[in-house]
Amino acid sequence: MDMDPEKTGLVPPQEGGGQSNTEASRSFGSEAEANTFFDVLKARLLNVNDWHRMAGAATAVFQLTDAEGLEVDRTVQAGDHFKIDIPGPGSVTGEGFDWVQVEAIDEGEADGAEHLTIRVRPATDPNTPRPDVAHFFSDDATSSFMVRREGTTVTAAVYGRNEKPNTAAEKLVDKARNLAVASGAIAAASKFQWKSLVEGLVRE
């Protein structure tokens, strides 16, 4: 039986705006093999600075920072930020980058599956005093990055919820960019990003 991520409470309920579900799976001949690879998958998910290499060319570059915005090279922790360099024009408010903060990291069992889940939400740039969110989505949105094992199958997934354009941005140029980035054309690019990432995570 496939896990329902919203039913478990690991993914926030969809209340408005856009949503997306992107998954990639691999099946193994035994639970022992699946479990061994699941350990690899968890390590890959926690190594945010390596996501771009796994996703491949023409995808966003993720740099992990601590809560104060200082770049770090370690596994992700709750309270950290992702400094994201997406292909195309960057956020003026975020000094050329989009920013999200790690709201929660959850590991355990839910709905018959072992899982590790990282949930992030658009955030201000911790390196500047500007109070507005430095991301093309408003802070209603979340992205939940999940890896899980159900029997002999392992899955990597990204669940986007409540994705609304950040039209409250301070800079007019950012408002225009955010509307464009959150539009249908860029939604397709976002799907390409997440598809590339989840497929990269489960690759041998």
C-alpha atoms as a PDB file:
ATOM      1  CA  MET A   1       0.000   0.000   0.000  1.00  0.00           C
ATOM      2  CA  ASP A   2       1.373   3.417  -0.996  1.00  0.00           C
ATOM      3  CA  MET A   3       1.858   6.002   1.722  1.00  0.00           C
ATOM      4  CA  ASP A   4      -0.510   8.976   1.702  1.00  0.00           C
ATOM      5  CA  PRO A   5       1.883  11.769   2.811  1.00  0.00           C
ATOM      6  CA  GLU A   6      -0.870  14.247   3.761  1.00  0.00           C
ATOM      7  CA  LYS A   7      -2.728  11.677   5.852  1.00  0.00           C
ATOM      8  CA  THR A   8       0.425  11.094   7.907  1.00  0.00           C
ATOM      9  CA  GLY A   9       0.732  14.812   8.726  1.00  0.00           C
ATOM     10  CA  LEU A  10       4.239  14.873   7.231  1.00  0.00           C
ATOM     11  CA  VAL A  11       3.016  17.103   4.385  1.00  0.00           C
ATOM     12  CA  PRO A  12       0.795  20.129   5.147  1.00  0.00           C
ATOM     13  CA  PRO A  13      -2.757  20.036   3.755  1.00  0.00           C
ATOM     14  CA  GLN A  14      -3.411  21.819   0.480  1.00  0.00           C
ATOM     15  CA  GLU A  15      -5.505  24.935   1.164  1.00  0.00           C
ATOM     16  CA  GLY A  16      -4.879  27.253  -1.780  1.00  0.00           C
ATOM     17  CA  GLY A  17      -2.604  28.024  -4.721  1.00  0.00           C
ATOM     18  CA  GLY A  18      -0.718  25.354  -6.629  1.00  0.00           C
ATOM     19  CA  GLN A  19       0.484  21.949  -5.535  1.00  0.00           C
ATOM     20  CA  SER A  20       2.773  19.277  -6.946  1.00  0.00           C
ATOM     21  CA  ASN A  21       3.757  15.680  -6.263  1.00  0.00           C
ATOM     22  CA  THR A  22       6.988  14.403  -7.822  1.00  0.00           C
ATOM     23  CA  GLU A  23       8.229  10.876  -7.076  1.00  0.00           C
ATOM     24  CA  ALA A  24      10.775   8.350  -8.306  1.00  0.00           C
ATOM     25  CA  SER A  25      11.076   4.773  -7.013  1.00  0.00           C
ATOM     26  CA  ARG A  26      13.342   1.727  -7.212  1.00  0.00           C
ATOM     27  CA  SER A  27      12.458  -1.843  -6.317  1.00  0.00           C
ATOM     28  CA  PHE A  28      14.850  -4.483  -4.968  1.00  0.00           C
ATOM     29  CA  GLY A  29      14.853  -8.274  -4.732  1.00  0.00           C
ATOM     30  CA  SER A  30      14.737  -8.322  -0.953  1.00  0.00           C
ATOM     31  CA  GLU A  31      13.959  -6.058   2.007  1.00  0.00           C
ATOM     32  CA  ALA A  32      17.607  -6.302   3.098  1.00  0.00           C
ATOM     33  CA  GLU A  33      18.776  -4.834  -0.237  1.00  0.00           C
ATOM     34  CA  ALA A  34      16.095  -2.153  -0.079  1.00  0.00           C
ATOM     35  CA  ASN A  35      17.086  -1.276   3.468  1.00  0.00           C
ATOM     36  CA  THR A  36      20.773  -0.966   2.520  1.00  0.00           C
ATOM     37  CA  PHE A  37      19.916   1.416  -0.312  1.00  0.00           C
ATOM     38  CA  PHE A  38      17.491   3.337   1.918  1.00  0.00           C
ATOM     39  CA  ASP A  39      20.432   4.179   4.193  1.00  0.00           C
ATOM     40  CA  VAL A  40      22.267   5.542   1.126  1.00  0.00           C
ATOM     41  CA  LEU A  41      19.179   7.510   0.133  1.00  0.00           C
ATOM     42  CA  LYS A  42      18.848   9.124   3.573  1.00  0.00           C
ATOM     43  CA  ALA A  43      22.489  10.224   3.477  1.00  0.00           C
ATOM     44  CA  ARG A  44      21.963  11.732   0.012  1.00  0.00           C
ATOM     45  CA  LEU A  45      18.874  13.650   1.127  1.00  0.00           C
ATOM     46  CA  LEU A  46      20.669  15.135   4.127  1.00  0.00           C
ATOM     47  CA  ASN A  47      23.599  16.304   1.961  1.00  0.00           C
ATOM     48  CA  VAL A  48      21.859  19.356   0.466  1.00  0.00           C
ATOM     49  CA  ASN A  49      25.050  20.820  -1.040  1.00  0.00           C
ATOM     50  CA  ASP A  50      25.277  17.762  -3.322  1.00  0.00           C
ATOM     51  CA  TRP A  51      21.731  17.999  -4.708  1.00  0.00           C
ATOM     52  CA  HIS A  52      22.793  19.947  -7.805  1.00  0.00           C
ATOM     53  CA  ARG A  53      25.331  17.297  -8.779  1.00  0.00           C
ATOM     54  CA  MET A  54      22.685  14.583  -8.456  1.00  0.00           C
ATOM     55  CA  ALA A  55      20.006  16.570 -10.328  1.00  0.00           C
ATOM     56  CA  GLY A  56      22.333  17.507 -13.183  1.00  0.00           C
ATOM     57  CA  ALA A  57      22.837  20.464 -15.506  1.00  0.00           C
ATOM     58  CA  ALA A  58      20.242  23.255 -15.919  1.00  0.00           C
ATOM     59  CA  THR A  59      18.921  22.745 -12.390  1.00  0.00           C
ATOM     60  CA  ALA A  60      19.086  24.942  -9.294  1.00  0.00           C
ATOM     61  CA  VAL A  61      22.166  25.051  -7.067  1.00  0.00           C
ATOM     62  CA  PHE A  62      21.411  24.558  -3.359  1.00  0.00           C
ATOM     63  CA  GLN A  63      23.811  25.892  -0.726  1.00  0.00           C
ATOM     64  CA  LEU A  64      23.154  24.998   2.882  1.00  0.00           C
ATOM     65  CA  THR A  65      23.573  27.789   5.447  1.00  0.00           C
ATOM     66  CA  ASP A  66      23.058  27.916   9.179  1.00  0.00           C
ATOM     67  CA  ALA A  67      20.257  29.927  10.804  1.00  0.00           C
ATOM     68  CA  GLU A  68      22.315  33.126  10.457  1.00  0.00           C
ATOM     69  CA  GLY A  69      22.980  32.619   6.744  1.00  0.00           C
ATOM     70  CA  LEU A  70      26.603  31.426   7.047  1.00  0.00           C
ATOM     71  CA  GLU A  71      27.461  28.798   4.402  1.00  0.00           C
ATOM     72  CA  VAL A  72      28.142  25.381   5.930  1.00  0.00           C
ATOM     73  CA  ASP A  73      29.283  22.016   4.583  1.00  0.00           C
ATOM     74  CA  ARG A  74      27.521  19.422   6.741  1.00  0.00           C
ATOM     75  CA  THR A  75      24.230  17.564   6.906  1.00  0.00           C
ATOM     76  CA  VAL A  76      21.088  19.655   7.205  1.00  0.00           C
ATOM     77  CA  GLN A  77      19.572  20.581  10.570  1.00  0.00           C
ATOM     78  CA  ALA A  78      16.244  22.157  11.567  1.00  0.00           C
ATOM     79  CA  GLY A  79      16.575  25.954  11.505  1.00  0.00           C
ATOM     80  CA  ASP A  80      19.088  25.931   8.624  1.00  0.00           C
ATOM     81  CA  HIS A  81      18.450  27.770   5.355  1.00  0.00           C
ATOM     82  CA  PHE A  82      18.825  26.761   1.726  1.00  0.00           C
ATOM     83  CA  LYS A  83      20.322  29.529  -0.418  1.00  0.00           C
ATOM     84  CA  ILE A  84      19.034  28.641  -3.878  1.00  0.00           C
ATOM     85  CA  ASP A  85      20.418  29.840  -7.200  1.00  0.00           C
ATOM     86  CA  ILE A  86      17.682  29.015  -9.695  1.00  0.00           C
ATOM     87  CA  PRO A  87      18.344  29.234 -13.451  1.00  0.00           C
ATOM     88  CA  GLY A  88      17.301  32.700 -14.633  1.00  0.00           C
ATOM     89  CA  PRO A  89      17.040  36.036 -12.793  1.00  0.00           C
ATOM     90  CA  GLY A  90      17.476  35.916  -9.041  1.00  0.00           C
ATOM     91  CA  SER A  91      15.627  37.695  -6.276  1.00  0.00           C
ATOM     92  CA  VAL A  92      16.817  41.277  -5.634  1.00  0.00           C
ATOM     93  CA  THR A  93      15.577  40.984  -2.049  1.00  0.00           C
ATOM     94  CA  GLY A  94      17.676  37.840  -1.577  1.00  0.00           C
ATOM     95  CA  GLU A  95      20.833  39.327  -3.132  1.00  0.00           C
ATOM     96  CA  GLY A  96      20.302  37.189  -6.249  1.00  0.00           C
ATOM     97  CA  PHE A  97      19.137  34.063  -4.423  1.00  0.00           C
ATOM     98  CA  ASP A  98      15.878  32.526  -3.241  1.00  0.00           C
ATOM     99  CA  TRP A  99      15.807  31.504   0.418  1.00  0.00           C
ATOM    100  CA  VAL A 100      13.904  28.854   2.363  1.00  0.00           C
ATOM    101  CA  GLN A 101      14.224  27.806   5.992  1.00  0.00           C
ATOM    102  CA  VAL A 102      14.142  24.238   7.270  1.00  0.00           C
ATOM    103  CA  GLU A 103      10.994  24.060   9.368  1.00  0.00           C
ATOM    104  CA  ALA A 104      11.223  20.415  10.404  1.00  0.00           C
ATOM    105  CA  ILE A 105      13.167  17.199   9.889  1.00  0.00           C
ATOM    106  CA  ASP A 106      11.217  14.070  10.722  1.00  0.00           C
ATOM    107  CA  GLU A 107      12.421  10.471  10.710  1.00  0.00           C
ATOM    108  CA  GLY A 108      10.477   7.385  11.705  1.00  0.00           C
ATOM    109  CA  GLU A 109       7.607   5.181  10.584  1.00  0.00           C
ATOM    110  CA  ALA A 110       4.285   6.338   9.174  1.00  0.00           C
ATOM    111  CA  ASP A 111       1.520   4.637   7.210  1.00  0.00           C
ATOM    112  CA  GLY A 112       3.527   1.394   7.014  1.00  0.00           C
ATOM    113  CA  ALA A 113       6.696   3.010   5.659  1.00  0.00           C
ATOM    114  CA  GLU A 114      10.054   4.109   7.057  1.00  0.00           C
ATOM    115  CA  HIS A 115      10.738   7.698   6.069  1.00  0.00           C
ATOM    116  CA  LEU A 116      12.983  10.736   6.394  1.00  0.00           C
ATOM    117  CA  THR A 117      11.311  14.066   5.586  1.00  0.00           C
ATOM    118  CA  ILE A 118      12.699  17.610   5.358  1.00  0.00           C
ATOM    119  CA  ARG A 119      10.079  20.403   5.201  1.00  0.00           C
ATOM    120  CA  VAL A 120      11.082  23.915   4.124  1.00  0.00           C
ATOM    121  CA  ARG A 121       9.222  27.216   3.812  1.00  0.00           C
ATOM    122  CA  PRO A 122      10.098  30.460   1.922  1.00  0.00           C
ATOM    123  CA  ALA A 123      11.977  32.812   4.236  1.00  0.00           C
ATOM    124  CA  THR A 124      13.721  36.155   4.524  1.00  0.00           C
ATOM    125  CA  ASP A 125      17.410  36.408   3.611  1.00  0.00           C
ATOM    126  CA  PRO A 126      19.147  36.124   7.003  1.00  0.00           C
ATOM    127  CA  ASN A 127      22.072  38.197   5.677  1.00  0.00           C
ATOM    128  CA  THR A 128      20.007  41.367   5.180  1.00  0.00           C
ATOM    129  CA  PRO A 129      17.714  43.434   7.423  1.00  0.00           C
ATOM    130  CA  ARG A 130      14.908  43.334   4.830  1.00  0.00           C
ATOM    131  CA  PRO A 131      11.763  41.873   6.400  1.00  0.00           C
ATOM    132  CA  ASP A 132      10.169  40.507   3.210  1.00  0.00           C
ATOM    133  CA  VAL A 133      10.360  36.933   2.017  1.00  0.00           C
ATOM    134  CA  ALA A 134      13.174  36.352  -0.501  1.00  0.00           C
ATOM    135  CA  HIS A 135      11.486  33.729  -2.657  1.00  0.00           C
ATOM    136  CA  PHE A 136       9.134  33.628  -5.633  1.00  0.00           C
ATOM    137  CA  PHE A 137       6.496  31.868  -3.506  1.00  0.00           C
ATOM    138  CA  SER A 138       4.890  33.402  -0.419  1.00  0.00           C
ATOM    139  CA  ASP A 139       5.520  31.875   2.990  1.00  0.00           C
ATOM    140  CA  ASP A 140       2.195  30.016   2.717  1.00  0.00           C
ATOM    141  CA  ALA A 141       4.066  27.526   0.533  1.00  0.00           C
ATOM    142  CA  THR A 142       6.014  24.490   1.695  1.00  0.00           C
ATOM    143  CA  SER A 143       8.225  21.944  -0.023  1.00  0.00           C
ATOM    144  CA  SER A 144       8.560  18.550   1.659  1.00  0.00           C
ATOM    145  CA  PHE A 145      11.512  16.414   0.561  1.00  0.00           C
ATOM    146  CA  MET A 146      10.925  12.790   1.512  1.00  0.00           C
ATOM    147  CA  VAL A 147      12.697   9.459   1.107  1.00  0.00           C
ATOM    148  CA  ARG A 148      10.930   6.312   2.246  1.00  0.00           C
ATOM    149  CA  ARG A 149      11.043   2.532   2.153  1.00  0.00           C
ATOM    150  CA  GLU A 150       7.915   0.416   1.816  1.00  0.00           C
ATOM    151  CA  GLY A 151       8.870  -3.264   1.775  1.00  0.00           C
ATOM    152  CA  THR A 152      11.274  -3.784  -1.127  1.00  0.00           C
ATOM    153  CA  THR A 153      10.574  -0.383  -2.737  1.00  0.00           C
ATOM    154  CA  VAL A 154      12.396   2.872  -1.986  1.00  0.00           C
ATOM    155  CA  THR A 155      11.053   6.251  -3.101  1.00  0.00           C
ATOM    156  CA  ALA A 156      12.327   9.823  -3.260  1.00  0.00           C
ATOM    157  CA  ALA A 157       9.668  12.522  -3.458  1.00  0.00           C
ATOM    158  CA  VAL A 158       9.065  16.275  -3.359  1.00  0.00           C
ATOM    159  CA  TYR A 159       5.618  17.537  -2.340  1.00  0.00           C
ATOM    160  CA  GLY A 160       4.818  21.208  -2.948  1.00  0.00           C
ATOM    161  CA  ARG A 161       1.790  22.657  -1.176  1.00  0.00           C
ATOM    162  CA  ASN A 162      -0.013  26.044  -1.101  1.00  0.00           C
ATOM    163  CA  GLU A 163       2.234  27.548  -3.777  1.00  0.00           C
ATOM    164  CA  LYS A 164       1.220  31.181  -4.255  1.00  0.00           C
ATOM    165  CA  PRO A 165       3.258  33.965  -5.902  1.00  0.00           C
ATOM    166  CA  ASN A 166       5.047  36.244  -3.455  1.00  0.00           C
ATOM    167  CA  THR A 167       3.379  39.521  -4.481  1.00  0.00           C
ATOM    168  CA  ALA A 168       4.179  41.156  -1.135  1.00  0.00           C
ATOM    169  CA  ALA A 169       7.830  41.594  -2.148  1.00  0.00           C
ATOM    170  CA  GLU A 170       9.272  45.017  -1.330  1.00  0.00           C
ATOM    171  CA  LYS A 171      10.943  45.536  -4.714  1.00  0.00           C
ATOM    172  CA  LEU A 172       8.715  46.080  -7.763  1.00  0.00           C
ATOM    173  CA  VAL A 173      11.165  44.133  -9.917  1.00  0.00           C
ATOM    174  CA  ASP A 174      10.807  41.181  -7.520  1.00  0.00           C
ATOM    175  CA  LYS A 175       6.994  41.366  -7.677  1.00  0.00           C
ATOM    176  CA  ALA A 176       7.119  41.070 -11.457  1.00  0.00           C
ATOM    177  CA  ARG A 177       9.671  38.253 -11.277  1.00  0.00           C
ATOM    178  CA  ASN A 178       7.734  36.349  -8.638  1.00  0.00           C
ATOM    179  CA  LEU A 179       4.516  36.488 -10.658  1.00  0.00           C
ATOM    180  CA  ALA A 180       6.420  35.219 -13.703  1.00  0.00           C
ATOM    181  CA  VAL A 181       8.317  32.501 -11.833  1.00  0.00           C
ATOM    182  CA  ALA A 182       5.136  31.223 -10.180  1.00  0.00           C
ATOM    183  CA  SER A 183       3.265  31.155 -13.502  1.00  0.00           C
ATOM    184  CA  GLY A 184       2.582  28.081 -15.606  1.00  0.00           C
ATOM    185  CA  ALA A 185       5.730  28.363 -17.703  1.00  0.00           C
ATOM    186  CA  ILE A 186       7.989  28.348 -14.694  1.00  0.00           C
ATOM    187  CA  ALA A 187       5.894  25.702 -12.955  1.00  0.00           C
ATOM    188  CA  ALA A 188       7.014  23.409 -15.777  1.00  0.00           C
ATOM    189  CA  ALA A 189      10.647  24.313 -15.038  1.00  0.00           C
ATOM    190  CA  SER A 190      10.023  23.608 -11.354  1.00  0.00           C
ATOM    191  CA  LYS A 191       8.617  20.169 -12.228  1.00  0.00           C
ATOM    192  CA  PHE A 192      11.759  19.510 -14.286  1.00  0.00           C
ATOM    193  CA  GLN A 193      13.865  20.538 -11.264  1.00  0.00           C
ATOM    194  CA  TRP A 194      12.119  18.192  -8.834  1.00  0.00           C
ATOM    195  CA  LYS A 195      11.911  15.328 -11.351  1.00  0.00           C
ATOM    196  CA  SER A 196      15.668  15.643 -11.957  1.00  0.00           C
ATOM    197  CA  LEU A 197      16.351  15.698  -8.223  1.00  0.00           C
ATOM    198  CA  VAL A 198      14.241  12.676  -7.218  1.00  0.00           C
ATOM    199  CA  GLU A 199      15.547  10.625 -10.142  1.00  0.00           C
ATOM    200  CA  GLY A 200      19.090  11.612  -9.193  1.00  0.00           C
ATOM    201  CA  LEU A 201      18.529  10.597  -5.591  1.00  0.00           C
ATOM    202  CA  VAL A 202      17.397   7.051  -6.445  1.00  0.00           C
ATOM    203  CA  ARG A 203      20.000   6.495  -9.163  1.00  0.00           C
ATOM    204  CA  GLU A 204      22.593   3.771  -8.480  1.00  0.00           C
END
